[in-house]
C-alpha atoms as a PDB file:
ATOM      1  CA  MET A   1      -2.463  11.708 -14.940  1.00  0.00           C
ATOM      2  CA  ILE A   2      -2.431  13.136 -11.524  1.00  0.00           C
ATOM      3  CA  GLU A   3      -1.999  16.237  -9.996  1.00  0.00           C
ATOM      4  CA  ILE A   4      -2.601  16.710  -6.469  1.00  0.00           C
ATOM      5  CA  GLU A   5      -0.945  20.624  -4.991  1.00  0.00           C
ATOM      6  CA  GLY A   6      -1.369  21.745  -1.592  1.00  0.00           C
ATOM      7  CA  LEU A   7      -3.652  20.105  -0.493  1.00  0.00           C
ATOM      8  CA  THR A   8      -5.289  21.077   3.180  1.00  0.00           C
ATOM      9  CA  LYS A   9      -8.356  20.574   4.766  1.00  0.00           C
ATOM     10  CA  ARG A  10      -9.091  21.492   7.975  1.00  0.00           C
ATOM     11  CA  PHE A  11     -11.991  19.783  11.162  1.00  0.00           C
ATOM     12  CA  GLY A  12     -12.046  22.218  13.217  1.00  0.00           C
ATOM     13  CA  PRO A  13      -8.888  23.112  15.332  1.00  0.00           C
ATOM     14  CA  THR A  14      -7.826  20.070  13.045  1.00  0.00           C
ATOM     15  CA  THR A  15      -5.821  19.759  10.503  1.00  0.00           C
ATOM     16  CA  ALA A  16      -6.550  15.532   8.751  1.00  0.00           C
ATOM     17  CA  VAL A  17      -4.494  17.161   6.067  1.00  0.00           C
ATOM     18  CA  ALA A  18      -1.729  19.603   5.687  1.00  0.00           C
ATOM     19  CA  HIS A  19      -0.299  21.213   2.293  1.00  0.00           C
ATOM     20  CA  LEU A  20       0.166  17.603   0.083  1.00  0.00           C
ATOM     21  CA  SER A  21       2.090  17.524  -3.007  1.00  0.00           C
ATOM     22  CA  LEU A  22       1.763  14.577  -5.609  1.00  0.00           C
ATOM     23  CA  HIS A  23       2.759  13.941  -8.771  1.00  0.00           C
ATOM     24  CA  VAL A  24       0.923  10.398 -10.015  1.00  0.00           C
ATOM     25  CA  ALA A  25       2.043   9.146 -13.625  1.00  0.00           C
ATOM     26  CA  LYS A  26       0.752   6.595 -16.714  1.00  0.00           C
ATOM     27  CA  GLY A  27       2.297   3.587 -15.410  1.00  0.00           C
ATOM     28  CA  GLU A  28       3.299   3.722 -11.657  1.00  0.00           C
ATOM     29  CA  VAL A  29       1.171   2.333  -8.976  1.00  0.00           C
ATOM     30  CA  LEU A  30       1.535   4.436  -5.832  1.00  0.00           C
ATOM     31  CA  GLY A  31       0.856   2.669  -2.555  1.00  0.00           C
ATOM     32  CA  PHE A  32      -0.151   5.549  -0.359  1.00  0.00           C
ATOM     33  CA  LEU A  33       0.342   4.627   3.968  1.00  0.00           C
ATOM     34  CA  GLY A  34       0.028   6.034   6.191  1.00  0.00           C
ATOM     35  CA  PRO A  35      -1.099   5.367  10.298  1.00  0.00           C
ATOM     36  CA  ASN A  36      -5.034   4.997  10.952  1.00  0.00           C
ATOM     37  CA  GLY A  37      -6.458   8.456  11.560  1.00  0.00           C
ATOM     38  CA  ALA A  38      -3.167  10.121   9.219  1.00  0.00           C
ATOM     39  CA  GLY A  39      -5.627  11.542   6.461  1.00  0.00           C
ATOM     40  CA  LYS A  40      -5.307   8.959   3.849  1.00  0.00           C
ATOM     41  CA  SER A  41      -9.798   8.823   3.603  1.00  0.00           C
ATOM     42  CA  THR A  42      -9.721  12.424   4.193  1.00  0.00           C
ATOM     43  CA  ALA A  43      -7.197  12.553   1.464  1.00  0.00           C
ATOM     44  CA  MET A  44      -8.476  10.823  -0.776  1.00  0.00           C
ATOM     45  CA  ARG A  45     -11.642  11.744  -1.236  1.00  0.00           C
ATOM     46  CA  MET A  46     -10.978  15.649  -2.126  1.00  0.00           C
ATOM     47  CA  ILE A  47      -8.495  13.700  -4.690  1.00  0.00           C
ATOM     48  CA  THR A  48     -12.298  12.465  -6.398  1.00  0.00           C
ATOM     49  CA  GLY A  49     -14.005  14.883  -5.982  1.00  0.00           C
ATOM     50  CA  PHE A  50     -15.773  14.019  -2.860  1.00  0.00           C
ATOM     51  CA  LEU A  51     -14.982  16.220  -0.380  1.00  0.00           C
ATOM     52  CA  ALA A  52     -13.956  20.035  -1.380  1.00  0.00           C
ATOM     53  CA  PRO A  53      -9.892  20.647   0.535  1.00  0.00           C
ATOM     54  CA  ASP A  54      -9.652  24.676   1.915  1.00  0.00           C
ATOM     55  CA  ALA A  55      -6.679  24.525  -0.066  1.00  0.00           C
ATOM     56  CA  GLY A  56      -4.323  23.148  -2.760  1.00  0.00           C
ATOM     57  CA  ARG A  57      -5.670  22.040  -6.071  1.00  0.00           C
ATOM     58  CA  VAL A  58      -5.759  18.544  -7.765  1.00  0.00           C
ATOM     59  CA  THR A  59      -6.350  17.861 -11.835  1.00  0.00           C
ATOM     60  CA  ILE A  60      -7.207  14.615 -13.501  1.00  0.00           C
ATOM     61  CA  CYS A  61      -6.440  13.888 -16.928  1.00  0.00           C
ATOM     62  CA  GLY A  62      -5.814  18.103 -16.739  1.00  0.00           C
ATOM     63  CA  HIS A  63      -8.825  18.350 -15.465  1.00  0.00           C
ATOM     64  CA  ASP A  64      -9.315  20.237 -12.547  1.00  0.00           C
ATOM     65  CA  ILE A  65     -11.242  18.313 -10.059  1.00  0.00           C
ATOM     66  CA  GLU A  66     -12.994  21.185  -8.585  1.00  0.00           C
ATOM     67  CA  THR A  67     -14.681  23.416 -11.358  1.00  0.00           C
ATOM     68  CA  GLU A  68     -14.482  20.586 -14.313  1.00  0.00           C
ATOM     69  CA  THR A  69     -15.551  17.822 -12.109  1.00  0.00           C
ATOM     70  CA  ASN A  70     -17.887  15.494 -14.001  1.00  0.00           C
ATOM     71  CA  ALA A  71     -14.929  15.895 -16.919  1.00  0.00           C
ATOM     72  CA  ALA A  72     -12.185  14.457 -14.298  1.00  0.00           C
ATOM     73  CA  GLN A  73     -14.572  12.000 -12.238  1.00  0.00           C
ATOM     74  CA  ALA A  74     -15.191  10.662 -15.547  1.00  0.00           C
ATOM     75  CA  LYS A  75     -11.138   9.538 -16.018  1.00  0.00           C
ATOM     76  CA  ILE A  76     -11.690   7.946 -12.072  1.00  0.00           C
ATOM     77  CA  GLY A  77     -12.180   4.917 -11.010  1.00  0.00           C
ATOM     78  CA  TYR A  78     -12.810   4.261  -7.182  1.00  0.00           C
ATOM     79  CA  LEU A  79     -13.332   2.424  -4.794  1.00  0.00           C
ATOM     80  CA  PRO A  80     -14.043   3.857  -1.176  1.00  0.00           C
ATOM     81  CA  GLU A  81     -13.744   2.999   2.234  1.00  0.00           C
ATOM     82  CA  GLY A  82     -16.302   0.097   2.992  1.00  0.00           C
ATOM     83  CA  ALA A  83     -17.361   0.155  -1.109  1.00  0.00           C
ATOM     84  CA  PRO A  84     -21.419   1.343  -0.914  1.00  0.00           C
ATOM     85  CA  ALA A  85     -23.611   0.178  -2.788  1.00  0.00           C
ATOM     86  CA  TYR A  86     -27.360  -0.505  -2.924  1.00  0.00           C
ATOM     87  CA  GLY A  87     -27.953  -3.582  -0.481  1.00  0.00           C
ATOM     88  CA  ASP A  88     -31.387  -4.728  -2.240  1.00  0.00           C
ATOM     89  CA  MET A  89     -29.375  -5.311  -5.876  1.00  0.00           C
ATOM     90  CA  THR A  90     -27.744  -8.245  -6.864  1.00  0.00           C
ATOM     91  CA  PRO A  91     -24.241  -7.661  -8.394  1.00  0.00           C
ATOM     92  CA  ARG A  92     -25.378  -8.274 -12.352  1.00  0.00           C
ATOM     93  CA  GLN A  93     -28.209  -5.762 -11.683  1.00  0.00           C
ATOM     94  CA  PHE A  94     -25.975  -3.330  -9.646  1.00  0.00           C
ATOM     95  CA  LEU A  95     -23.242  -2.900 -12.187  1.00  0.00           C
ATOM     96  CA  THR A  96     -25.689  -2.386 -14.763  1.00  0.00           C
ATOM     97  CA  PHE A  97     -27.095   0.392 -12.897  1.00  0.00           C
ATOM     98  CA  VAL A  98     -23.023   1.499 -12.720  1.00  0.00           C
ATOM     99  CA  ALA A  99     -23.298   1.181 -17.011  1.00  0.00           C
ATOM    100  CA  GLN A 100     -25.646   2.900 -17.307  1.00  0.00           C
ATOM    101  CA  VAL A 101     -24.545   5.850 -15.310  1.00  0.00           C
ATOM    102  CA  ARG A 102     -21.045   5.867 -17.046  1.00  0.00           C
ATOM    103  CA  GLY A 103     -23.671   6.264 -20.768  1.00  0.00           C
ATOM    104  CA  PHE A 104     -23.176   2.114 -21.568  1.00  0.00           C
ATOM    105  CA  ARG A 105     -26.415   1.537 -23.380  1.00  0.00           C
ATOM    106  CA  GLY A 106     -27.973  -2.203 -24.553  1.00  0.00           C
ATOM    107  CA  ALA A 107     -24.598  -4.417 -26.193  1.00  0.00           C
ATOM    108  CA  GLU A 108     -22.069  -2.313 -24.441  1.00  0.00           C
ATOM    109  CA  ALA A 109     -23.358  -2.408 -21.145  1.00  0.00           C
ATOM    110  CA  LYS A 110     -23.743  -6.073 -21.136  1.00  0.00           C
ATOM    111  CA  ALA A 111     -20.436  -6.459 -22.286  1.00  0.00           C
ATOM    112  CA  ARG A 112     -19.217  -3.757 -19.785  1.00  0.00           C
ATOM    113  CA  VAL A 113     -20.474  -5.283 -17.271  1.00  0.00           C
ATOM    114  CA  ALA A 114     -19.836  -9.383 -18.343  1.00  0.00           C
ATOM    115  CA  ALA A 115     -15.904  -8.650 -18.703  1.00  0.00           C
ATOM    116  CA  VAL A 116     -15.434  -7.018 -15.078  1.00  0.00           C
ATOM    117  CA  VAL A 117     -17.408  -9.690 -13.434  1.00  0.00           C
ATOM    118  CA  GLU A 118     -15.414 -12.225 -15.626  1.00  0.00           C
ATOM    119  CA  LYS A 119     -11.966 -10.244 -14.182  1.00  0.00           C
ATOM    120  CA  THR A 120     -14.247 -10.179 -10.404  1.00  0.00           C
ATOM    121  CA  GLU A 121     -14.862 -13.442 -10.327  1.00  0.00           C
ATOM    122  CA  LEU A 122     -18.138 -12.826  -9.682  1.00  0.00           C
ATOM    123  CA  GLY A 123     -19.674 -14.551 -11.327  1.00  0.00           C
ATOM    124  CA  PRO A 124     -21.145 -17.132  -8.723  1.00  0.00           C
ATOM    125  CA  VAL A 125     -22.804 -14.712  -6.512  1.00  0.00           C
ATOM    126  CA  LEU A 126     -24.522 -12.964  -9.119  1.00  0.00           C
ATOM    127  CA  GLU A 127     -28.303 -13.554  -8.968  1.00  0.00           C
ATOM    128  CA  GLN A 128     -27.635 -12.684  -4.469  1.00  0.00           C
ATOM    129  CA  PRO A 129     -28.412  -9.465  -3.406  1.00  0.00           C
ATOM    130  CA  ILE A 130     -25.556  -8.145  -2.427  1.00  0.00           C
ATOM    131  CA  GLU A 131     -26.505  -7.484   1.640  1.00  0.00           C
ATOM    132  CA  THR A 132     -26.643 -11.904   1.614  1.00  0.00           C
ATOM    133  CA  LEU A 133     -22.764 -11.074   0.232  1.00  0.00           C
ATOM    134  CA  SER A 134     -20.047 -12.307   2.233  1.00  0.00           C
ATOM    135  CA  LYS A 135     -17.251  -8.824   2.613  1.00  0.00           C
ATOM    136  CA  GLY A 136     -14.736 -10.164   0.528  1.00  0.00           C
ATOM    137  CA  PHE A 137     -17.594 -10.692  -2.497  1.00  0.00           C
ATOM    138  CA  LYS A 138     -19.388  -7.299  -1.266  1.00  0.00           C
ATOM    139  CA  ARG A 139     -15.474  -5.818  -2.069  1.00  0.00           C
ATOM    140  CA  ARG A 140     -15.209  -7.749  -5.495  1.00  0.00           C
ATOM    141  CA  VAL A 141     -18.051  -5.551  -6.406  1.00  0.00           C
ATOM    142  CA  GLY A 142     -16.626  -1.742  -5.234  1.00  0.00           C
ATOM    143  CA  LEU A 143     -14.136  -2.824  -7.484  1.00  0.00           C
ATOM    144  CA  ALA A 144     -15.745  -3.950  -9.933  1.00  0.00           C
ATOM    145  CA  GLN A 145     -17.716  -1.311 -10.548  1.00  0.00           C
ATOM    146  CA  ALA A 146     -14.757   0.999 -10.101  1.00  0.00           C
ATOM    147  CA  ILE A 147     -12.902  -0.647 -13.364  1.00  0.00           C
ATOM    148  CA  LEU A 148     -16.159  -0.710 -15.596  1.00  0.00           C
ATOM    149  CA  HIS A 149     -15.470   2.184 -17.188  1.00  0.00           C
ATOM    150  CA  ASP A 150     -11.664   1.539 -18.039  1.00  0.00           C
ATOM    151  CA  PRO A 151     -11.402   4.139 -16.306  1.00  0.00           C
ATOM    152  CA  PRO A 152      -7.127   5.905 -16.940  1.00  0.00           C
ATOM    153  CA  VAL A 153      -7.230   6.534 -13.425  1.00  0.00           C
ATOM    154  CA  LEU A 154      -8.052   4.635 -10.220  1.00  0.00           C
ATOM    155  CA  ILE A 155      -8.377   5.596  -6.546  1.00  0.00           C
ATOM    156  CA  MET A 156      -8.660   3.007  -4.380  1.00  0.00           C
ATOM    157  CA  ASP A 157      -9.248   2.750  -0.092  1.00  0.00           C
ATOM    158  CA  GLU A 158      -8.427  -0.117   0.657  1.00  0.00           C
ATOM    159  CA  PRO A 159      -8.887  -2.374  -2.215  1.00  0.00           C
ATOM    160  CA  THR A 160      -7.641  -6.251  -0.142  1.00  0.00           C
ATOM    161  CA  ASP A 161      -9.648  -5.382   2.907  1.00  0.00           C
ATOM    162  CA  GLY A 162     -11.547  -8.225   3.663  1.00  0.00           C
ATOM    163  CA  LEU A 163      -9.945 -10.809   1.395  1.00  0.00           C
ATOM    164  CA  ASP A 164      -9.233 -13.862   1.649  1.00  0.00           C
ATOM    165  CA  PRO A 165      -5.417 -14.484   0.774  1.00  0.00           C
ATOM    166  CA  ASN A 166      -6.416 -16.376  -2.342  1.00  0.00           C
ATOM    167  CA  GLN A 167      -9.018 -13.612  -3.631  1.00  0.00           C
ATOM    168  CA  LYS A 168      -6.099 -10.449  -2.275  1.00  0.00           C
ATOM    169  CA  HIS A 169      -3.659 -12.820  -4.880  1.00  0.00           C
ATOM    170  CA  ALA A 170      -5.918 -12.781  -7.681  1.00  0.00           C
ATOM    171  CA  VAL A 171      -6.702  -8.734  -7.600  1.00  0.00           C
ATOM    172  CA  ARG A 172      -3.514  -8.071  -6.714  1.00  0.00           C
ATOM    173  CA  GLY A 173      -3.104  -9.923 -10.316  1.00  0.00           C
ATOM    174  CA  LEU A 174      -5.577  -7.504 -11.777  1.00  0.00           C
ATOM    175  CA  LEU A 175      -4.380  -3.999 -10.453  1.00  0.00           C
ATOM    176  CA  ARG A 176      -0.652  -5.168 -12.213  1.00  0.00           C
ATOM    177  CA  ALA A 177      -2.530  -6.645 -15.119  1.00  0.00           C
ATOM    178  CA  MET A 178      -3.733  -2.964 -15.667  1.00  0.00           C
ATOM    179  CA  ALA A 179      -0.974  -0.599 -14.347  1.00  0.00           C
ATOM    180  CA  ALA A 180       0.628   0.014 -17.892  1.00  0.00           C
ATOM    181  CA  GLU A 181      -1.822   2.047 -18.393  1.00  0.00           C
ATOM    182  CA  LYS A 182      -3.132   3.965 -16.054  1.00  0.00           C
ATOM    183  CA  ALA A 183      -1.826   5.753 -12.899  1.00  0.00           C
ATOM    184  CA  ILE A 184      -3.296   3.961  -9.513  1.00  0.00           C
ATOM    185  CA  ILE A 185      -3.238   5.232  -5.654  1.00  0.00           C
ATOM    186  CA  ILE A 186      -4.091   2.252  -3.440  1.00  0.00           C
ATOM    187  CA  SER A 187      -4.585   3.544  -0.203  1.00  0.00           C
ATOM    188  CA  THR A 188      -3.842   0.521   2.171  1.00  0.00           C
ATOM    189  CA  HIS A 189      -2.668  -0.399   5.652  1.00  0.00           C
ATOM    190  CA  LEU A 190      -0.382  -3.254   4.836  1.00  0.00           C
ATOM    191  CA  LEU A 191       2.419  -3.186   4.136  1.00  0.00           C
ATOM    192  CA  GLU A 192       3.004  -6.514   2.107  1.00  0.00           C
ATOM    193  CA  GLU A 193       0.950  -4.443  -0.411  1.00  0.00           C
ATOM    194  CA  VAL A 194       3.509  -2.293  -1.457  1.00  0.00           C
ATOM    195  CA  ASP A 195       6.024  -5.373  -2.121  1.00  0.00           C
ATOM    196  CA  ALA A 196       3.334  -6.816  -4.205  1.00  0.00           C
ATOM    197  CA  ILE A 197       2.433  -5.285  -6.239  1.00  0.00           C
ATOM    198  CA  CYS A 198       3.129  -1.025  -6.053  1.00  0.00           C
ATOM    199  CA  THR A 199       6.033   1.136  -8.090  1.00  0.00           C
ATOM    200  CA  ARG A 200       6.629   3.597  -4.959  1.00  0.00           C
ATOM    201  CA  ALA A 201       4.939   4.079  -1.869  1.00  0.00           C
ATOM    202  CA  VAL A 202       4.052   7.582   0.144  1.00  0.00           C
ATOM    203  CA  ILE A 203       3.384   7.454   3.576  1.00  0.00           C
ATOM    204  CA  ILE A 204       2.469  10.789   5.698  1.00  0.00           C
ATOM    205  CA  ASP A 205       1.490  11.347   9.688  1.00  0.00           C
ATOM    206  CA  ARG A 206      -1.008  13.605  10.675  1.00  0.00           C
ATOM    207  CA  GLY A 207      -1.629  15.123   7.164  1.00  0.00           C
ATOM    208  CA  THR A 208       2.117  15.289   6.289  1.00  0.00           C
ATOM    209  CA  LEU A 209       4.138  13.790   3.721  1.00  0.00           C
ATOM    210  CA  VAL A 210       6.728  11.951   5.299  1.00  0.00           C
ATOM    211  CA  ALA A 211       8.745   9.677   3.238  1.00  0.00           C
ATOM    212  CA  ASP A 212       7.702   9.291  -0.651  1.00  0.00           C
ATOM    213  CA  GLY A 213      10.462   7.354  -2.877  1.00  0.00           C
ATOM    214  CA  THR A 214       9.676   3.103  -3.912  1.00  0.00           C
ATOM    215  CA  PRO A 215      10.097   0.425  -2.285  1.00  0.00           C
ATOM    216  CA  ALA A 216      13.849  -0.466  -2.725  1.00  0.00           C
ATOM    217  CA  GLU A 217      14.247   3.605  -1.521  1.00  0.00           C
ATOM    218  CA  LEU A 218      11.816   3.090   1.528  1.00  0.00           C
ATOM    219  CA  LEU A 219      13.692   0.061   2.675  1.00  0.00           C
ATOM    220  CA  ALA A 220      16.849   1.480   2.131  1.00  0.00           C
ATOM    221  CA  ARG A 221      15.961   2.893   5.215  1.00  0.00           C
ATOM    222  CA  SER A 222      15.407   0.793   7.240  1.00  0.00           C
ATOM    223  CA  ARG A 223      18.137  -0.350  10.390  1.00  0.00           C
ATOM    224  CA  TYR A 224      18.056  -4.205   8.577  1.00  0.00           C
ATOM    225  CA  HIS A 225      18.869  -2.671   4.476  1.00  0.00           C
ATOM    226  CA  ASN A 226      21.971  -5.333   3.962  1.00  0.00           C
ATOM    227  CA  ALA A 227      22.100  -6.441   7.919  1.00  0.00           C
ATOM    228  CA  VAL A 228      22.800 -10.061   7.475  1.00  0.00           C
ATOM    229  CA  THR A 229      21.158 -12.978   9.881  1.00  0.00           C
ATOM    230  CA  LEU A 230      22.816 -15.808  10.628  1.00  0.00           C
ATOM    231  CA  VAL A 231      21.383 -18.748  13.180  1.00  0.00           C
ATOM    232  CA  LEU A 232      23.838 -20.813  15.104  1.00  0.00           C
ATOM    233  CA  SER A 233      24.396 -23.444  18.024  1.00  0.00           C
ATOM    234  CA  ALA A 234      24.351 -21.267  21.813  1.00  0.00           C
ATOM    235  CA  ASN A 235      27.602 -22.217  22.653  1.00  0.00           C
ATOM    236  CA  GLU A 236      29.094 -21.301  19.622  1.00  0.00           C
ATOM    237  CA  ALA A 237      27.770 -17.753  19.400  1.00  0.00           C
ATOM    238  CA  GLU A 238      30.064 -15.850  21.826  1.00  0.00           C
ATOM    239  CA  ALA A 239      32.807 -16.631  19.825  1.00  0.00           C
ATOM    240  CA  ALA A 240      31.611 -16.325  16.545  1.00  0.00           C
ATOM    241  CA  VAL A 241      29.488 -12.447  18.022  1.00  0.00           C
ATOM    242  CA  ALA A 242      33.906 -11.677  18.428  1.00  0.00           C
ATOM    243  CA  ARG A 243      34.880 -12.823  14.537  1.00  0.00           C
ATOM    244  CA  LEU A 244      32.002 -10.825  13.515  1.00  0.00           C
ATOM    245  CA  LYS A 245      33.308  -7.065  15.162  1.00  0.00           C
ATOM    246  CA  THR A 246      36.221  -8.219  14.224  1.00  0.00           C
ATOM    247  CA  LEU A 247      34.777  -7.453  10.141  1.00  0.00           C
ATOM    248  CA  PRO A 248      35.554  -3.933   9.128  1.00  0.00           C
ATOM    249  CA  GLY A 249      32.048  -2.872   7.920  1.00  0.00           C
ATOM    250  CA  VAL A 250      30.164  -4.011  11.011  1.00  0.00           C
ATOM    251  CA  ALA A 251      28.716  -1.396  13.100  1.00  0.00           C
ATOM    252  CA  GLN A 252      26.352  -2.880  15.749  1.00  0.00           C
ATOM    253  CA  ILE A 253      26.385  -6.894  17.079  1.00  0.00           C
ATOM    254  CA  ASP A 254      22.512  -8.181  18.307  1.00  0.00           C
ATOM    255  CA  ARG A 255      21.371 -11.873  18.651  1.00  0.00           C
ATOM    256  CA  LYS A 256      18.493 -13.355  20.314  1.00  0.00           C
ATOM    257  CA  PRO A 257      18.390 -16.658  21.559  1.00  0.00           C
ATOM    258  CA  LEU A 258      16.445 -19.065  20.092  1.00  0.00           C
ATOM    259  CA  GLY A 259      16.111 -22.523  22.716  1.00  0.00           C
ATOM    260  CA  ASP A 260      19.463 -24.106  22.332  1.00  0.00           C
ATOM    261  CA  SER A 261      20.539 -22.026  18.682  1.00  0.00           C
ATOM    262  CA  VAL A 262      21.099 -18.222  18.898  1.00  0.00           C
ATOM    263  CA  ARG A 263      19.698 -15.500  16.645  1.00  0.00           C
ATOM    264  CA  LEU A 264      22.592 -13.297  15.550  1.00  0.00           C
ATOM    265  CA  THR A 265      22.334 -10.050  13.377  1.00  0.00           C
ATOM    266  CA  ALA A 266      25.128  -8.194  11.966  1.00  0.00           C
ATOM    267  CA  PHE A 267      24.269  -4.194  10.963  1.00  0.00           C
ATOM    268  CA  PRO A 268      26.341  -2.179   8.887  1.00  0.00           C
ATOM    269  CA  LYS A 269      28.063   0.291   8.415  1.00  0.00           C
ATOM    270  CA  GLY A 270      26.426   2.492   6.797  1.00  0.00           C
ATOM    271  CA  GLY A 271      24.255   0.741   4.460  1.00  0.00           C
ATOM    272  CA  ALA A 272      27.938  -1.657   3.595  1.00  0.00           C
ATOM    273  CA  LEU A 273      27.345  -5.163   1.878  1.00  0.00           C
ATOM    274  CA  LEU A 274      28.039  -7.616   4.425  1.00  0.00           C
ATOM    275  CA  ILE A 275      26.796 -11.011   2.701  1.00  0.00           C
ATOM    276  CA  GLU A 276      30.344 -12.040   1.257  1.00  0.00           C
ATOM    277  CA  ALA A 277      32.627 -11.551   4.179  1.00  0.00           C
ATOM    278  CA  VAL A 278      30.114 -13.246   6.761  1.00  0.00           C
ATOM    279  CA  SER A 279      29.485 -16.293   4.948  1.00  0.00           C
ATOM    280  CA  ALA A 280      33.891 -16.544   4.388  1.00  0.00           C
ATOM    281  CA  LEU A 281      34.105 -16.150   7.802  1.00  0.00           C
ATOM    282  CA  ALA A 282      31.776 -18.348   8.418  1.00  0.00           C
ATOM    283  CA  SER A 283      33.048 -21.377   6.572  1.00  0.00           C
ATOM    284  CA  ARG A 284      36.732 -20.418   7.745  1.00  0.00           C
ATOM    285  CA  GLU A 285      35.785 -20.524  10.916  1.00  0.00           C
ATOM    286  CA  ASN A 286      33.429 -23.548  10.264  1.00  0.00           C
ATOM    287  CA  TRP A 287      30.687 -22.767  12.181  1.00  0.00           C
ATOM    288  CA  ARG A 288      27.623 -24.687  12.293  1.00  0.00           C
ATOM    289  CA  VAL A 289      25.436 -22.172  10.817  1.00  0.00           C
ATOM    290  CA  GLN A 290      21.722 -23.279  10.682  1.00  0.00           C
ATOM    291  CA  GLU A 291      19.974 -20.389   8.130  1.00  0.00           C
ATOM    292  CA  LEU A 292      22.211 -17.807   6.924  1.00  0.00           C
ATOM    293  CA  TYR A 293      21.233 -14.530   4.770  1.00  0.00           C
ATOM    294  CA  ALA A 294      20.759 -10.351   4.055  1.00  0.00           C
ATOM    295  CA  GLU A 295      18.252  -8.685   5.100  1.00  0.00           C
ATOM    296  CA  PRO A 296      17.083  -6.271   2.125  1.00  0.00           C
ATOM    297  CA  GLY A 297      15.106  -4.204   5.163  1.00  0.00           C
ATOM    298  CA  ARG A 298      12.064  -4.507   6.912  1.00  0.00           C
ATOM    299  CA  LEU A 299       9.196  -1.224   5.932  1.00  0.00           C
ATOM    300  CA  ASP A 300       7.492  -1.419   9.429  1.00  0.00           C
ATOM    301  CA  GLU A 301      10.497  -0.320  10.892  1.00  0.00           C
ATOM    302  CA  VAL A 302      10.455   2.565   8.130  1.00  0.00           C
ATOM    303  CA  PHE A 303       6.793   3.151   9.045  1.00  0.00           C
ATOM    304  CA  ARG A 304       7.720   3.050  13.329  1.00  0.00           C
ATOM    305  CA  ALA A 305      10.720   4.955  12.998  1.00  0.00           C
ATOM    306  CA  VAL A 306       8.581   8.331  10.534  1.00  0.00           C
ATOM    307  CA  THR A 307       5.171   7.972  11.740  1.00  0.00           C
ATOM    308  CA  THR A 308       3.836   8.634  15.610  1.00  0.00           C
ATOM    309  CA  SER A 309       2.752   6.315  17.354  1.00  0.00           C
ATOM    310  CA  ASP A 310      -0.895   5.938  19.077  1.00  0.00           C
ATOM    311  CA  ALA A 311      -0.388   6.708  22.443  1.00  0.00           C
ATOM    312  CA  ALA A 312       1.645  10.290  21.092  1.00  0.00           C
ATOM    313  CA  ARG A 313      -0.626  11.113  19.708  1.00  0.00           C
ATOM    314  CA  ALA A 314      -3.221  10.643  21.991  1.00  0.00           C
ATOM    315  CA  LYS A 315      -0.627  12.391  24.198  1.00  0.00           C
ATOM    316  CA  ALA A 316      -0.455  15.112  21.707  1.00  0.00           C
ATOM    317  CA  ALA A 317      -4.024  16.253  21.077  1.00  0.00           C
ATOM    318  CA  ARG A 318      -4.481  16.805  25.300  1.00  0.00           C
ATOM    319  CA  PRO A 319      -5.497  19.924  26.307  1.00  0.00           C
END
């Protein structure tokens, strides 16, 4: 439903997006990750036809975004960064205006507005000027306009930005409910969002794709994938480290003091499963275990490993 081939954009000597290629199918929720300044918003503006690429092409449901712009954009629901709206309008007025722009009239326009107001829980502020709303409600107005025409493709830049935990939960639930019938791209810097709603995630750095996979596949790239952490009393820790090192699947052990206790993390060789062997050893040795758990992996560690830090980026930019 979304086909991106060789997308490239330069601003003077700076390449914001470099040869980006992605295909997103119906039923996929793609998390679009990267550091600030990595090119995420620039890429999304090109995908939606609001910025012309220097090279490459985008098709939305078979329509080329540059040569069939109206047909392609009719298939897209777009929530841009900042969710701009007319501040002097109320949410009802703004959504009615959007419905009319999308070609709905009369009873159908009212029904469309009512449906998205209910889905985004805008009822309490429906008659207030948008400029007086909180950041969270403004974001929900932006989300409502994006889904009003029930598009098959959703492109969303930070959809839960400014929302409190309850609001984030509601929006994520809404996106999950719609996902089966749509292709969705969500730009986010919240790694928790990937686990919460994404079926696949890509990471870009300095405009280049550096990782692409399901959340499980990305977690498997983490040093912590299948690592086992246990918390013991400090007087047991030294002996425990020595015994853990005898397990054939253990590559390394890290330790961290926690007051009168110590947290030990055993890292596996080649992603081997350690939890059963470590649990059995703890039982045989009668360790007074306070915590014991296997790690699925840490997405933040994978993110740091494949992207450039702010300091390195600034150093590279110096003449």
